[in-house]
């Protein structure tokens, strides 16, 4: 069990308090598990959960361009995450962003909303034969204004 020492006491992961949790989603299988975990962490303190999907806008287009296929896909993902949270008997707020880059937009959103935790589902990836978290996860870990939990689904 993960333990964190701070302010003179030990706290288990399930006992930590997070007033607001941001969960980035992209439509991968791991997103649902990340939402379930966020709901379990949030229930004790009635924390607010923000589920965020980011559409990457190409530089040739204006940031507020209506990119209908991508918008519809992101809205479908957010709707599915809302249903997963409802199954956990929890309500989430969904956020759809359009940005040039995913990492900086998530950090900006976390700062703007004053979140205490970013919880990200990550897939096991190999790049050039090496395990890789990817550039977005590394950016979040380096720049997050709060705690970050990475959740990797176990696959045998």
C-alpha atoms as a PDB file:
ATOM      1  CA  UNK A   1       0.000   0.000   0.000  1.00  0.00           C
ATOM      2  CA  UNK A   2       1.312   3.422  -0.905  1.00  0.00           C
ATOM      3  CA  UNK A   3       2.013   5.606   2.119  1.00  0.00           C
ATOM      4  CA  UNK A   4       2.818   9.268   2.166  1.00  0.00           C
ATOM      5  CA  UNK A   5       4.491  10.945   5.079  1.00  0.00           C
ATOM      6  CA  UNK A   6       3.725  14.549   5.625  1.00  0.00           C
ATOM      7  CA  UNK A   7       2.848  16.987   8.349  1.00  0.00           C
ATOM      8  CA  UNK A   8       3.693  14.475  11.069  1.00  0.00           C
ATOM      9  CA  UNK A   9       1.362  11.673  10.030  1.00  0.00           C
ATOM     10  CA  UNK A  10       1.201   8.724   7.657  1.00  0.00           C
ATOM     11  CA  UNK A  11      -1.652   8.624   5.193  1.00  0.00           C
ATOM     12  CA  UNK A  12      -2.715   5.790   2.972  1.00  0.00           C
ATOM     13  CA  UNK A  13      -3.671   6.668  -0.591  1.00  0.00           C
ATOM     14  CA  UNK A  14      -7.369   6.165   0.138  1.00  0.00           C
ATOM     15  CA  UNK A  15      -7.133   8.518   3.123  1.00  0.00           C
ATOM     16  CA  UNK A  16      -5.614  11.476   1.279  1.00  0.00           C
ATOM     17  CA  UNK A  17      -7.877  14.450   0.729  1.00  0.00           C
ATOM     18  CA  UNK A  18      -8.280  15.937  -2.704  1.00  0.00           C
ATOM     19  CA  UNK A  19     -10.796  18.743  -3.031  1.00  0.00           C
ATOM     20  CA  UNK A  20     -10.739  18.625  -6.825  1.00  0.00           C
ATOM     21  CA  UNK A  21      -9.484  15.890  -9.150  1.00  0.00           C
ATOM     22  CA  UNK A  22      -8.722  16.311 -12.847  1.00  0.00           C
ATOM     23  CA  UNK A  23      -8.865  13.174 -15.008  1.00  0.00           C
ATOM     24  CA  UNK A  24      -7.637  13.579 -18.601  1.00  0.00           C
ATOM     25  CA  UNK A  25      -9.232  11.136 -21.061  1.00  0.00           C
ATOM     26  CA  UNK A  26      -8.439  10.246 -24.650  1.00  0.00           C
ATOM     27  CA  UNK A  27     -10.753   7.361 -25.464  1.00  0.00           C
ATOM     28  CA  UNK A  28      -8.425   4.523 -24.479  1.00  0.00           C
ATOM     29  CA  UNK A  29      -9.514   1.487 -22.455  1.00  0.00           C
ATOM     30  CA  UNK A  30      -7.633   2.732 -19.392  1.00  0.00           C
ATOM     31  CA  UNK A  31      -9.814   5.865 -19.132  1.00  0.00           C
ATOM     32  CA  UNK A  32     -12.713   3.953 -17.585  1.00  0.00           C
ATOM     33  CA  UNK A  33     -10.489   2.471 -14.879  1.00  0.00           C
ATOM     34  CA  UNK A  34      -9.030   5.918 -14.143  1.00  0.00           C
ATOM     35  CA  UNK A  35     -12.560   7.307 -13.711  1.00  0.00           C
ATOM     36  CA  UNK A  36     -13.501   4.452 -11.372  1.00  0.00           C
ATOM     37  CA  UNK A  37     -10.378   5.077  -9.282  1.00  0.00           C
ATOM     38  CA  UNK A  38     -11.050   8.834  -9.184  1.00  0.00           C
ATOM     39  CA  UNK A  39     -14.606   8.167  -7.984  1.00  0.00           C
ATOM     40  CA  UNK A  40     -13.352   5.904  -5.192  1.00  0.00           C
ATOM     41  CA  UNK A  41     -10.827   8.532  -4.078  1.00  0.00           C
ATOM     42  CA  UNK A  42     -13.365  11.349  -4.319  1.00  0.00           C
ATOM     43  CA  UNK A  43     -16.272   9.734  -2.463  1.00  0.00           C
ATOM     44  CA  UNK A  44     -14.833  10.068   1.037  1.00  0.00           C
ATOM     45  CA  UNK A  45     -14.405  13.842   0.811  1.00  0.00           C
ATOM     46  CA  UNK A  46     -17.094  14.509  -1.786  1.00  0.00           C
ATOM     47  CA  UNK A  47     -14.392  15.861  -4.070  1.00  0.00           C
ATOM     48  CA  UNK A  48     -15.218  17.439  -7.401  1.00  0.00           C
ATOM     49  CA  UNK A  49     -14.048  15.459 -10.444  1.00  0.00           C
ATOM     50  CA  UNK A  50     -13.310  17.167 -13.757  1.00  0.00           C
ATOM     51  CA  UNK A  51     -13.052  14.808 -16.725  1.00  0.00           C
ATOM     52  CA  UNK A  52     -11.127  16.583 -19.479  1.00  0.00           C
ATOM     53  CA  UNK A  53     -10.774  15.753 -23.163  1.00  0.00           C
ATOM     54  CA  UNK A  54      -8.448  17.837 -25.332  1.00  0.00           C
ATOM     55  CA  UNK A  55      -8.782  18.210 -29.084  1.00  0.00           C
ATOM     56  CA  UNK A  56      -5.488  19.105 -30.733  1.00  0.00           C
ATOM     57  CA  UNK A  57      -5.947  21.878 -33.304  1.00  0.00           C
ATOM     58  CA  UNK A  58      -3.437  22.103 -36.146  1.00  0.00           C
ATOM     59  CA  UNK A  59      -1.514  25.363 -36.401  1.00  0.00           C
ATOM     60  CA  UNK A  60      -3.026  26.085 -39.820  1.00  0.00           C
ATOM     61  CA  UNK A  61      -6.468  26.420 -38.190  1.00  0.00           C
ATOM     62  CA  UNK A  62      -7.739  28.961 -35.662  1.00  0.00           C
ATOM     63  CA  UNK A  63      -7.980  27.613 -32.097  1.00  0.00           C
ATOM     64  CA  UNK A  64     -11.760  27.934 -32.092  1.00  0.00           C
ATOM     65  CA  UNK A  65     -12.203  26.099 -35.415  1.00  0.00           C
ATOM     66  CA  UNK A  66     -15.265  23.856 -35.590  1.00  0.00           C
ATOM     67  CA  UNK A  67     -13.636  20.464 -36.175  1.00  0.00           C
ATOM     68  CA  UNK A  68     -16.877  18.482 -36.122  1.00  0.00           C
ATOM     69  CA  UNK A  69     -15.596  14.878 -36.344  1.00  0.00           C
ATOM     70  CA  UNK A  70     -13.092  15.435 -33.514  1.00  0.00           C
ATOM     71  CA  UNK A  71     -15.636  17.345 -31.414  1.00  0.00           C
ATOM     72  CA  UNK A  72     -18.196  14.544 -31.790  1.00  0.00           C
ATOM     73  CA  UNK A  73     -15.602  11.901 -30.903  1.00  0.00           C
ATOM     74  CA  UNK A  74     -14.525  13.842 -27.784  1.00  0.00           C
ATOM     75  CA  UNK A  75     -18.145  14.385 -26.717  1.00  0.00           C
ATOM     76  CA  UNK A  76     -18.830  10.653 -27.107  1.00  0.00           C
ATOM     77  CA  UNK A  77     -15.809   9.881 -24.924  1.00  0.00           C
ATOM     78  CA  UNK A  78     -16.969  12.344 -22.258  1.00  0.00           C
ATOM     79  CA  UNK A  79     -20.517  10.920 -22.353  1.00  0.00           C
ATOM     80  CA  UNK A  80     -19.090   7.425 -21.831  1.00  0.00           C
ATOM     81  CA  UNK A  81     -16.999   8.653 -18.874  1.00  0.00           C
ATOM     82  CA  UNK A  82     -20.113  10.244 -17.336  1.00  0.00           C
ATOM     83  CA  UNK A  83     -21.891   6.878 -17.562  1.00  0.00           C
ATOM     84  CA  UNK A  84     -18.924   5.120 -15.923  1.00  0.00           C
ATOM     85  CA  UNK A  85     -19.051   7.641 -13.059  1.00  0.00           C
ATOM     86  CA  UNK A  86     -22.825   7.177 -12.733  1.00  0.00           C
ATOM     87  CA  UNK A  87     -22.226   3.424 -12.383  1.00  0.00           C
ATOM     88  CA  UNK A  88     -19.972   4.339  -9.447  1.00  0.00           C
ATOM     89  CA  UNK A  89     -22.804   6.500  -8.075  1.00  0.00           C
ATOM     90  CA  UNK A  90     -20.788   9.674  -8.593  1.00  0.00           C
ATOM     91  CA  UNK A  91     -21.297  12.808 -10.629  1.00  0.00           C
ATOM     92  CA  UNK A  92     -18.494  14.350 -12.678  1.00  0.00           C
ATOM     93  CA  UNK A  93     -18.122  17.554 -14.635  1.00  0.00           C
ATOM     94  CA  UNK A  94     -16.913  17.102 -18.195  1.00  0.00           C
ATOM     95  CA  UNK A  95     -14.704  19.614 -19.983  1.00  0.00           C
ATOM     96  CA  UNK A  96     -13.888  19.747 -23.697  1.00  0.00           C
ATOM     97  CA  UNK A  97     -10.854  21.830 -24.651  1.00  0.00           C
ATOM     98  CA  UNK A  98      -9.326  22.775 -27.983  1.00  0.00           C
ATOM     99  CA  UNK A  99      -5.610  23.520 -27.883  1.00  0.00           C
ATOM    100  CA  UNK A 100      -2.398  23.347 -29.871  1.00  0.00           C
ATOM    101  CA  UNK A 101      -0.813  20.957 -27.354  1.00  0.00           C
ATOM    102  CA  UNK A 102      -2.399  18.596 -24.829  1.00  0.00           C
ATOM    103  CA  UNK A 103       0.104  18.828 -21.939  1.00  0.00           C
ATOM    104  CA  UNK A 104       0.130  22.613 -21.483  1.00  0.00           C
ATOM    105  CA  UNK A 105      -3.665  22.824 -21.823  1.00  0.00           C
ATOM    106  CA  UNK A 106      -4.125  20.231 -19.061  1.00  0.00           C
ATOM    107  CA  UNK A 107      -1.715  22.075 -16.767  1.00  0.00           C
ATOM    108  CA  UNK A 108      -3.517  25.372 -17.453  1.00  0.00           C
ATOM    109  CA  UNK A 109      -6.854  23.718 -16.675  1.00  0.00           C
ATOM    110  CA  UNK A 110      -5.497  22.229 -13.441  1.00  0.00           C
ATOM    111  CA  UNK A 111      -4.208  25.635 -12.326  1.00  0.00           C
ATOM    112  CA  UNK A 112      -7.390  27.471 -13.321  1.00  0.00           C
ATOM    113  CA  UNK A 113      -9.601  25.021 -11.437  1.00  0.00           C
ATOM    114  CA  UNK A 114      -7.270  24.720  -8.437  1.00  0.00           C
ATOM    115  CA  UNK A 115      -7.174  20.936  -8.496  1.00  0.00           C
ATOM    116  CA  UNK A 116      -5.343  18.981  -5.824  1.00  0.00           C
ATOM    117  CA  UNK A 117      -4.728  15.912  -7.978  1.00  0.00           C
ATOM    118  CA  UNK A 118      -4.316  14.910 -11.607  1.00  0.00           C
ATOM    119  CA  UNK A 119      -5.136  11.236 -12.077  1.00  0.00           C
ATOM    120  CA  UNK A 120      -4.068   9.795 -15.433  1.00  0.00           C
ATOM    121  CA  UNK A 121      -4.543   6.370 -16.887  1.00  0.00           C
ATOM    122  CA  UNK A 122      -1.461   5.321 -18.861  1.00  0.00           C
ATOM    123  CA  UNK A 123      -0.921   2.468 -21.277  1.00  0.00           C
ATOM    124  CA  UNK A 124       2.250   0.441 -21.347  1.00  0.00           C
ATOM    125  CA  UNK A 125       4.098   1.647 -24.441  1.00  0.00           C
ATOM    126  CA  UNK A 126       7.398   0.659 -25.949  1.00  0.00           C
ATOM    127  CA  UNK A 127       9.349   3.051 -28.119  1.00  0.00           C
ATOM    128  CA  UNK A 128      12.536   1.801 -29.742  1.00  0.00           C
ATOM    129  CA  UNK A 129      12.442  -1.241 -27.462  1.00  0.00           C
ATOM    130  CA  UNK A 130      12.239   0.860 -24.283  1.00  0.00           C
ATOM    131  CA  UNK A 131       9.307   1.554 -21.961  1.00  0.00           C
ATOM    132  CA  UNK A 132       7.931   5.035 -22.666  1.00  0.00           C
ATOM    133  CA  UNK A 133       5.410   7.167 -20.819  1.00  0.00           C
ATOM    134  CA  UNK A 134       5.071   9.515 -23.767  1.00  0.00           C
ATOM    135  CA  UNK A 135       5.578  13.256 -24.004  1.00  0.00           C
ATOM    136  CA  UNK A 136       2.211  14.282 -22.501  1.00  0.00           C
ATOM    137  CA  UNK A 137       2.677  12.290 -19.287  1.00  0.00           C
ATOM    138  CA  UNK A 138       6.242  13.553 -18.904  1.00  0.00           C
ATOM    139  CA  UNK A 139       5.065  17.146 -19.386  1.00  0.00           C
ATOM    140  CA  UNK A 140       2.351  16.683 -16.729  1.00  0.00           C
ATOM    141  CA  UNK A 141       4.803  15.151 -14.257  1.00  0.00           C
ATOM    142  CA  UNK A 142       7.283  17.975 -14.797  1.00  0.00           C
ATOM    143  CA  UNK A 143       4.803  20.887 -14.666  1.00  0.00           C
ATOM    144  CA  UNK A 144       1.854  19.837 -12.506  1.00  0.00           C
ATOM    145  CA  UNK A 145       0.846  22.357  -9.821  1.00  0.00           C
ATOM    146  CA  UNK A 146      -0.480  19.490  -7.676  1.00  0.00           C
ATOM    147  CA  UNK A 147      -0.108  15.793  -6.986  1.00  0.00           C
ATOM    148  CA  UNK A 148      -0.182  13.343  -9.899  1.00  0.00           C
ATOM    149  CA  UNK A 149      -1.215   9.698  -9.841  1.00  0.00           C
ATOM    150  CA  UNK A 150      -0.485   7.510 -12.863  1.00  0.00           C
ATOM    151  CA  UNK A 151      -2.648   4.425 -13.129  1.00  0.00           C
ATOM    152  CA  UNK A 152      -1.442   1.604 -15.365  1.00  0.00           C
ATOM    153  CA  UNK A 153      -3.771  -1.285 -15.959  1.00  0.00           C
ATOM    154  CA  UNK A 154      -2.153  -4.644 -15.347  1.00  0.00           C
ATOM    155  CA  UNK A 155      -2.134  -6.931 -18.358  1.00  0.00           C
ATOM    156  CA  UNK A 156      -0.610 -10.374 -18.255  1.00  0.00           C
END
